[in-house]
PDB file of N, CA and C in Angstrom:
ATOM      1  N   UNK A   1     280.188 156.161 378.394  1.00  0.00           N
ATOM      2  CA  UNK A   1     279.544 157.109 377.524  1.00  0.00           C
ATOM      3  C   UNK A   1     278.084 157.292 377.975  1.00  0.00           C
ATOM      4  N   UNK A   2     277.677 158.523 378.098  1.00  0.00           N
ATOM      5  CA  UNK A   2     276.335 158.845 378.567  1.00  0.00           C
ATOM      6  C   UNK A   2     275.342 158.785 377.411  1.00  0.00           C
ATOM      7  N   UNK A   3     274.232 158.124 377.672  1.00  0.00           N
ATOM      8  CA  UNK A   3     273.173 158.047 376.660  1.00  0.00           C
ATOM      9  C   UNK A   3     272.171 159.167 376.903  1.00  0.00           C
ATOM     10  N   UNK A   4     271.783 159.792 375.830  1.00  0.00           N
ATOM     11  CA  UNK A   4     270.794 160.859 375.919  1.00  0.00           C
ATOM     12  C   UNK A   4     269.482 160.364 375.329  1.00  0.00           C
ATOM     13  N   UNK A   5     268.447 160.709 376.009  1.00  0.00           N
ATOM     14  CA  UNK A   5     267.125 160.335 375.529  1.00  0.00           C
ATOM     15  C   UNK A   5     266.411 161.595 375.067  1.00  0.00           C
ATOM     16  N   UNK A   6     265.927 161.563 373.863  1.00  0.00           N
ATOM     17  CA  UNK A   6     265.225 162.708 373.303  1.00  0.00           C
ATOM     18  C   UNK A   6     263.742 162.581 373.655  1.00  0.00           C
ATOM     19  N   UNK A   7     263.246 163.576 374.321  1.00  0.00           N
ATOM     20  CA  UNK A   7     261.838 163.578 374.686  1.00  0.00           C
ATOM     21  C   UNK A   7     261.143 164.695 373.928  1.00  0.00           C
ATOM     22  N   UNK A   8     260.098 164.322 373.220  1.00  0.00           N
ATOM     23  CA  UNK A   8     259.343 165.307 372.458  1.00  0.00           C
ATOM     24  C   UNK A   8     258.035 165.597 373.170  1.00  0.00           C
ATOM     25  N   UNK A   9     257.770 166.832 373.388  1.00  0.00           N
ATOM     26  CA  UNK A   9     256.496 167.249 373.955  1.00  0.00           C
ATOM     27  C   UNK A   9     255.651 167.813 372.823  1.00  0.00           C
ATOM     28  N   UNK A  10     254.628 167.072 372.470  1.00  0.00           N
ATOM     29  CA  UNK A  10     253.767 167.459 371.359  1.00  0.00           C
ATOM     30  C   UNK A  10     252.619 168.312 371.882  1.00  0.00           C
ATOM     31  N   UNK A  11     252.321 169.357 371.153  1.00  0.00           N
ATOM     32  CA  UNK A  11     251.140 170.140 371.495  1.00  0.00           C
ATOM     33  C   UNK A  11     249.912 169.387 371.005  1.00  0.00           C
ATOM     34  N   UNK A  12     248.757 169.762 371.523  1.00  0.00           N
ATOM     35  CA  UNK A  12     247.518 169.107 371.084  1.00  0.00           C
ATOM     36  C   UNK A  12     247.310 169.293 369.586  1.00  0.00           C
ATOM     37  N   UNK A  13     247.655 170.466 369.092  1.00  0.00           N
ATOM     38  CA  UNK A  13     247.518 170.746 367.663  1.00  0.00           C
ATOM     39  C   UNK A  13     248.422 169.828 366.841  1.00  0.00           C
ATOM     40  N   UNK A  14     249.649 169.659 367.298  1.00  0.00           N
ATOM     41  CA  UNK A  14     250.586 168.782 366.572  1.00  0.00           C
ATOM     42  C   UNK A  14     250.120 167.329 366.626  1.00  0.00           C
ATOM     43  N   UNK A  15     249.604 166.900 367.763  1.00  0.00           N
ATOM     44  CA  UNK A  15     249.081 165.540 367.887  1.00  0.00           C
ATOM     45  C   UNK A  15     247.912 165.328 366.929  1.00  0.00           C
ATOM     46  N   UNK A  16     247.048 166.325 366.842  1.00  0.00           N
ATOM     47  CA  UNK A  16     245.901 166.246 365.945  1.00  0.00           C
ATOM     48  C   UNK A  16     246.354 166.167 364.484  1.00  0.00           C
ATOM     49  N   UNK A  17     247.340 166.994 364.137  1.00  0.00           N
ATOM     50  CA  UNK A  17     247.862 166.976 362.765  1.00  0.00           C
ATOM     51  C   UNK A  17     248.479 165.623 362.443  1.00  0.00           C
ATOM     52  N   UNK A  18     249.196 165.047 363.398  1.00  0.00           N
ATOM     53  CA  UNK A  18     249.815 163.743 363.191  1.00  0.00           C
ATOM     54  C   UNK A  18     248.756 162.670 362.975  1.00  0.00           C
ATOM     55  N   UNK A  19     247.684 162.699 363.763  1.00  0.00           N
ATOM     56  CA  UNK A  19     246.597 161.736 363.593  1.00  0.00           C
ATOM     57  C   UNK A  19     245.930 161.893 362.227  1.00  0.00           C
ATOM     58  N   UNK A  20     245.755 163.140 361.807  1.00  0.00           N
ATOM     59  CA  UNK A  20     245.165 163.401 360.488  1.00  0.00           C
ATOM     60  C   UNK A  20     246.045 162.829 359.389  1.00  0.00           C
ATOM     61  N   UNK A  21     247.347 163.038 359.502  1.00  0.00           N
ATOM     62  CA  UNK A  21     248.274 162.497 358.505  1.00  0.00           C
ATOM     63  C   UNK A  21     248.225 160.977 358.466  1.00  0.00           C
ATOM     64  N   UNK A  22     248.134 160.350 359.629  1.00  0.00           N
ATOM     65  CA  UNK A  22     248.060 158.888 359.681  1.00  0.00           C
ATOM     66  C   UNK A  22     246.779 158.392 359.020  1.00  0.00           C
ATOM     67  N   UNK A  23     245.650 159.082 359.278  1.00  0.00           N
ATOM     68  CA  UNK A  23     244.379 158.684 358.651  1.00  0.00           C
ATOM     69  C   UNK A  23     244.454 158.864 357.139  1.00  0.00           C
ATOM     70  N   UNK A  24     245.029 159.981 356.692  1.00  0.00           N
ATOM     71  CA  UNK A  24     245.150 160.218 355.255  1.00  0.00           C
ATOM     72  C   UNK A  24     246.041 159.169 354.606  1.00  0.00           C
ATOM     73  N   UNK A  25     247.114 158.803 355.280  1.00  0.00           N
ATOM     74  CA  UNK A  25     248.023 157.780 354.745  1.00  0.00           C
ATOM     75  C   UNK A  25     247.302 156.446 354.632  1.00  0.00           C
ATOM     76  N   UNK A  26     246.524 156.089 355.648  1.00  0.00           N
ATOM     77  CA  UNK A  26     245.758 154.846 355.623  1.00  0.00           C
ATOM     78  C   UNK A  26     244.734 154.879 354.500  1.00  0.00           C
ATOM     79  N   UNK A  27     244.037 156.007 354.363  1.00  0.00           N
ATOM     80  CA  UNK A  27     243.041 156.168 353.305  1.00  0.00           C
ATOM     81  C   UNK A  27     243.707 156.058 351.932  1.00  0.00           C
ATOM     82  N   UNK A  28     244.823 156.755 351.746  1.00  0.00           N
ATOM     83  CA  UNK A  28     245.522 156.720 350.459  1.00  0.00           C
ATOM     84  C   UNK A  28     245.986 155.312 350.130  1.00  0.00           C
ATOM     85  N   UNK A  29     246.453 154.572 351.136  1.00  0.00           N
ATOM     86  CA  UNK A  29     246.900 153.199 350.901  1.00  0.00           C
ATOM     87  C   UNK A  29     245.715 152.320 350.514  1.00  0.00           C
ATOM     88  N   UNK A  30     244.564 152.536 351.164  1.00  0.00           N
ATOM     89  CA  UNK A  30     243.371 151.758 350.839  1.00  0.00           C
ATOM     90  C   UNK A  30     242.935 152.024 349.395  1.00  0.00           C
ATOM     91  N   UNK A  31     242.965 153.284 348.986  1.00  0.00           N
ATOM     92  CA  UNK A  31     242.605 153.622 347.601  1.00  0.00           C
ATOM     93  C   UNK A  31     243.584 152.976 346.625  1.00  0.00           C
ATOM     94  N   UNK A  32     244.871 153.048 346.932  1.00  0.00           N
ATOM     95  CA  UNK A  32     245.893 152.434 346.066  1.00  0.00           C
ATOM     96  C   UNK A  32     245.641 150.925 345.943  1.00  0.00           C
ATOM     97  N   UNK A  33     245.348 150.279 347.071  1.00  0.00           N
ATOM     98  CA  UNK A  33     245.077 148.837 347.052  1.00  0.00           C
ATOM     99  C   UNK A  33     243.856 148.514 346.189  1.00  0.00           C
ATOM    100  N   UNK A  34     242.804 149.335 346.319  1.00  0.00           N
ATOM    101  CA  UNK A  34     241.612 149.106 345.501  1.00  0.00           C
ATOM    102  C   UNK A  34     241.906 149.294 344.024  1.00  0.00           C
ATOM    103  N   UNK A  35     242.676 150.319 343.700  1.00  0.00           N
ATOM    104  CA  UNK A  35     243.031 150.546 342.295  1.00  0.00           C
ATOM    105  C   UNK A  35     243.881 149.399 341.756  1.00  0.00           C
ATOM    106  N   UNK A  36     244.807 148.898 342.567  1.00  0.00           N
ATOM    107  CA  UNK A  36     245.627 147.757 342.143  1.00  0.00           C
ATOM    108  C   UNK A  36     244.763 146.532 341.894  1.00  0.00           C
ATOM    109  N   UNK A  37     243.802 146.294 342.795  1.00  0.00           N
ATOM    110  CA  UNK A  37     242.913 145.144 342.620  1.00  0.00           C
ATOM    111  C   UNK A  37     242.051 145.326 341.382  1.00  0.00           C
ATOM    112  N   UNK A  38     241.559 146.549 341.170  1.00  0.00           N
ATOM    113  CA  UNK A  38     240.747 146.825 339.991  1.00  0.00           C
ATOM    114  C   UNK A  38     241.531 146.620 338.715  1.00  0.00           C
ATOM    115  N   UNK A  39     242.793 147.032 338.731  1.00  0.00           N
ATOM    116  CA  UNK A  39     243.656 146.864 337.570  1.00  0.00           C
ATOM    117  C   UNK A  39     243.865 145.378 337.271  1.00  0.00           C
ATOM    118  N   UNK A  40     244.100 144.598 338.320  1.00  0.00           N
ATOM    119  CA  UNK A  40     244.298 143.153 338.138  1.00  0.00           C
ATOM    120  C   UNK A  40     243.026 142.505 337.588  1.00  0.00           C
ATOM    121  N   UNK A  41     241.874 142.945 338.103  1.00  0.00           N
ATOM    122  CA  UNK A  41     240.612 142.395 337.607  1.00  0.00           C
ATOM    123  C   UNK A  41     240.396 142.788 336.147  1.00  0.00           C
ATOM    124  N   UNK A  42     240.753 144.026 335.791  1.00  0.00           N
ATOM    125  CA  UNK A  42     240.627 144.478 334.408  1.00  0.00           C
ATOM    126  C   UNK A  42     241.494 143.671 333.469  1.00  0.00           C
ATOM    127  N   UNK A  43     242.705 143.354 333.919  1.00  0.00           N
ATOM    128  CA  UNK A  43     243.598 142.551 333.082  1.00  0.00           C
ATOM    129  C   UNK A  43     243.031 141.161 332.861  1.00  0.00           C
ATOM    130  N   UNK A  44     242.465 140.573 333.916  1.00  0.00           N
ATOM    131  CA  UNK A  44     241.843 139.252 333.768  1.00  0.00           C
ATOM    132  C   UNK A  44     240.652 139.328 332.818  1.00  0.00           C
ATOM    133  N   UNK A  45     239.838 140.388 332.981  1.00  0.00           N
ATOM    134  CA  UNK A  45     238.665 140.570 332.125  1.00  0.00           C
ATOM    135  C   UNK A  45     239.088 140.688 330.661  1.00  0.00           C
ATOM    136  N   UNK A  46     240.136 141.459 330.413  1.00  0.00           N
ATOM    137  CA  UNK A  46     240.602 141.664 329.036  1.00  0.00           C
ATOM    138  C   UNK A  46     241.230 140.414 328.437  1.00  0.00           C
ATOM    139  N   UNK A  47     241.624 139.476 329.271  1.00  0.00           N
ATOM    140  CA  UNK A  47     242.301 138.293 328.753  1.00  0.00           C
ATOM    141  C   UNK A  47     241.319 137.205 328.291  1.00  0.00           C
ATOM    142  N   UNK A  48     240.035 137.350 328.604  1.00  0.00           N
ATOM    143  CA  UNK A  48     239.062 136.338 328.167  1.00  0.00           C
ATOM    144  C   UNK A  48     238.411 136.778 326.865  1.00  0.00           C
ATOM    145  N   UNK A  49     237.764 135.836 326.197  1.00  0.00           N
ATOM    146  CA  UNK A  49     237.145 136.170 324.910  1.00  0.00           C
ATOM    147  C   UNK A  49     235.877 137.014 325.104  1.00  0.00           C
ATOM    148  N   UNK A  50     235.382 137.563 324.004  1.00  0.00           N
ATOM    149  CA  UNK A  50     234.268 138.502 324.067  1.00  0.00           C
ATOM    150  C   UNK A  50     232.999 137.853 324.628  1.00  0.00           C
ATOM    151  N   UNK A  51     232.731 136.616 324.290  1.00  0.00           N
ATOM    152  CA  UNK A  51     231.539 135.942 324.812  1.00  0.00           C
ATOM    153  C   UNK A  51     231.586 135.848 326.332  1.00  0.00           C
ATOM    154  N   UNK A  52     232.758 135.536 326.852  1.00  0.00           N
ATOM    155  CA  UNK A  52     232.919 135.446 328.304  1.00  0.00           C
ATOM    156  C   UNK A  52     232.769 136.826 328.940  1.00  0.00           C
ATOM    157  N   UNK A  53     233.284 137.861 328.281  1.00  0.00           N
ATOM    158  CA  UNK A  53     233.137 139.220 328.796  1.00  0.00           C
ATOM    159  C   UNK A  53     231.655 139.598 328.890  1.00  0.00           C
ATOM    160  N   UNK A  54     230.898 139.238 327.883  1.00  0.00           N
ATOM    161  CA  UNK A  54     229.461 139.530 327.871  1.00  0.00           C
ATOM    162  C   UNK A  54     228.773 138.826 329.039  1.00  0.00           C
ATOM    163  N   UNK A  55     229.132 137.566 329.275  1.00  0.00           N
ATOM    164  CA  UNK A  55     228.542 136.815 330.385  1.00  0.00           C
ATOM    165  C   UNK A  55     228.904 137.446 331.735  1.00  0.00           C
ATOM    166  N   UNK A  56     230.132 137.890 331.866  1.00  0.00           N
ATOM    167  CA  UNK A  56     230.573 138.531 333.109  1.00  0.00           C
ATOM    168  C   UNK A  56     229.770 139.806 333.353  1.00  0.00           C
ATOM    169  N   UNK A  57     229.616 140.626 332.316  1.00  0.00           N
ATOM    170  CA  UNK A  57     228.857 141.875 332.447  1.00  0.00           C
ATOM    171  C   UNK A  57     227.400 141.574 332.792  1.00  0.00           C
ATOM    172  N   UNK A  58     226.821 140.564 332.168  1.00  0.00           N
ATOM    173  CA  UNK A  58     225.439 140.180 332.489  1.00  0.00           C
ATOM    174  C   UNK A  58     225.322 139.779 333.957  1.00  0.00           C
ATOM    175  N   UNK A  59     226.281 138.994 334.441  1.00  0.00           N
ATOM    176  CA  UNK A  59     226.267 138.578 335.850  1.00  0.00           C
ATOM    177  C   UNK A  59     226.364 139.786 336.783  1.00  0.00           C
ATOM    178  N   UNK A  60     227.198 140.747 336.422  1.00  0.00           N
ATOM    179  CA  UNK A  60     227.355 141.948 337.250  1.00  0.00           C
ATOM    180  C   UNK A  60     226.051 142.743 337.267  1.00  0.00           C
ATOM    181  N   UNK A  61     225.439 142.922 336.092  1.00  0.00           N
ATOM    182  CA  UNK A  61     224.174 143.662 336.007  1.00  0.00           C
ATOM    183  C   UNK A  61     223.097 142.943 336.826  1.00  0.00           C
ATOM    184  N   UNK A  62     223.001 141.621 336.685  1.00  0.00           N
ATOM    185  CA  UNK A  62     222.017 140.843 337.448  1.00  0.00           C
ATOM    186  C   UNK A  62     222.233 141.014 338.952  1.00  0.00           C
ATOM    187  N   UNK A  63     223.495 140.973 339.349  1.00  0.00           N
ATOM    188  CA  UNK A  63     223.819 141.123 340.777  1.00  0.00           C
ATOM    189  C   UNK A  63     223.303 142.454 341.313  1.00  0.00           C
ATOM    190  N   UNK A  64     223.603 143.542 340.603  1.00  0.00           N
ATOM    191  CA  UNK A  64     223.193 144.861 341.091  1.00  0.00           C
ATOM    192  C   UNK A  64     221.684 145.060 340.998  1.00  0.00           C
ATOM    193  N   UNK A  65     221.039 144.460 340.004  1.00  0.00           N
ATOM    194  CA  UNK A  65     219.584 144.553 339.927  1.00  0.00           C
ATOM    195  C   UNK A  65     218.950 143.806 341.106  1.00  0.00           C
ATOM    196  N   UNK A  66     219.509 142.669 341.456  1.00  0.00           N
ATOM    197  CA  UNK A  66     218.989 141.900 342.609  1.00  0.00           C
ATOM    198  C   UNK A  66     219.233 142.641 343.917  1.00  0.00           C
ATOM    199  N   UNK A  67     220.377 143.294 344.039  1.00  0.00           N
ATOM    200  CA  UNK A  67     220.690 144.063 345.243  1.00  0.00           C
ATOM    201  C   UNK A  67     219.740 145.255 345.382  1.00  0.00           C
ATOM    202  N   UNK A  68     219.433 145.896 344.266  1.00  0.00           N
ATOM    203  CA  UNK A  68     218.550 147.060 344.287  1.00  0.00           C
ATOM    204  C   UNK A  68     217.128 146.640 344.661  1.00  0.00           C
ATOM    205  N   UNK A  69     216.751 145.459 344.236  1.00  0.00           N
ATOM    206  CA  UNK A  69     215.410 144.967 344.529  1.00  0.00           C
ATOM    207  C   UNK A  69     215.273 144.329 345.902  1.00  0.00           C
ATOM    208  N   UNK A  70     216.395 144.097 346.559  1.00  0.00           N
ATOM    209  CA  UNK A  70     216.369 143.407 347.858  1.00  0.00           C
ATOM    210  C   UNK A  70     215.840 144.271 348.970  1.00  0.00           C
TER     211      UNK A  70
END
C-alpha cells in the first residue's frame, strides 16, 4: 500500500495569520490562568474572618505605597 504525504504550502499571509492566532491563544490562556488564580485567592480571602481581611488589605496598601515611593 502506497503512503501519501500531504504537503501544505503556506503563503506568507497565512503563516502570519497562524502566528497571530497562536499569540492570541497564548494570551487568552494567560488571562484565563490569571483569572483562575484571582478567583482562588478571592475564595481564600472570603474564607477568613473580617479582622484578617482588614489586615490583608492593610498589607496590600502598604506594599503598593512602598512600591510607589521606591
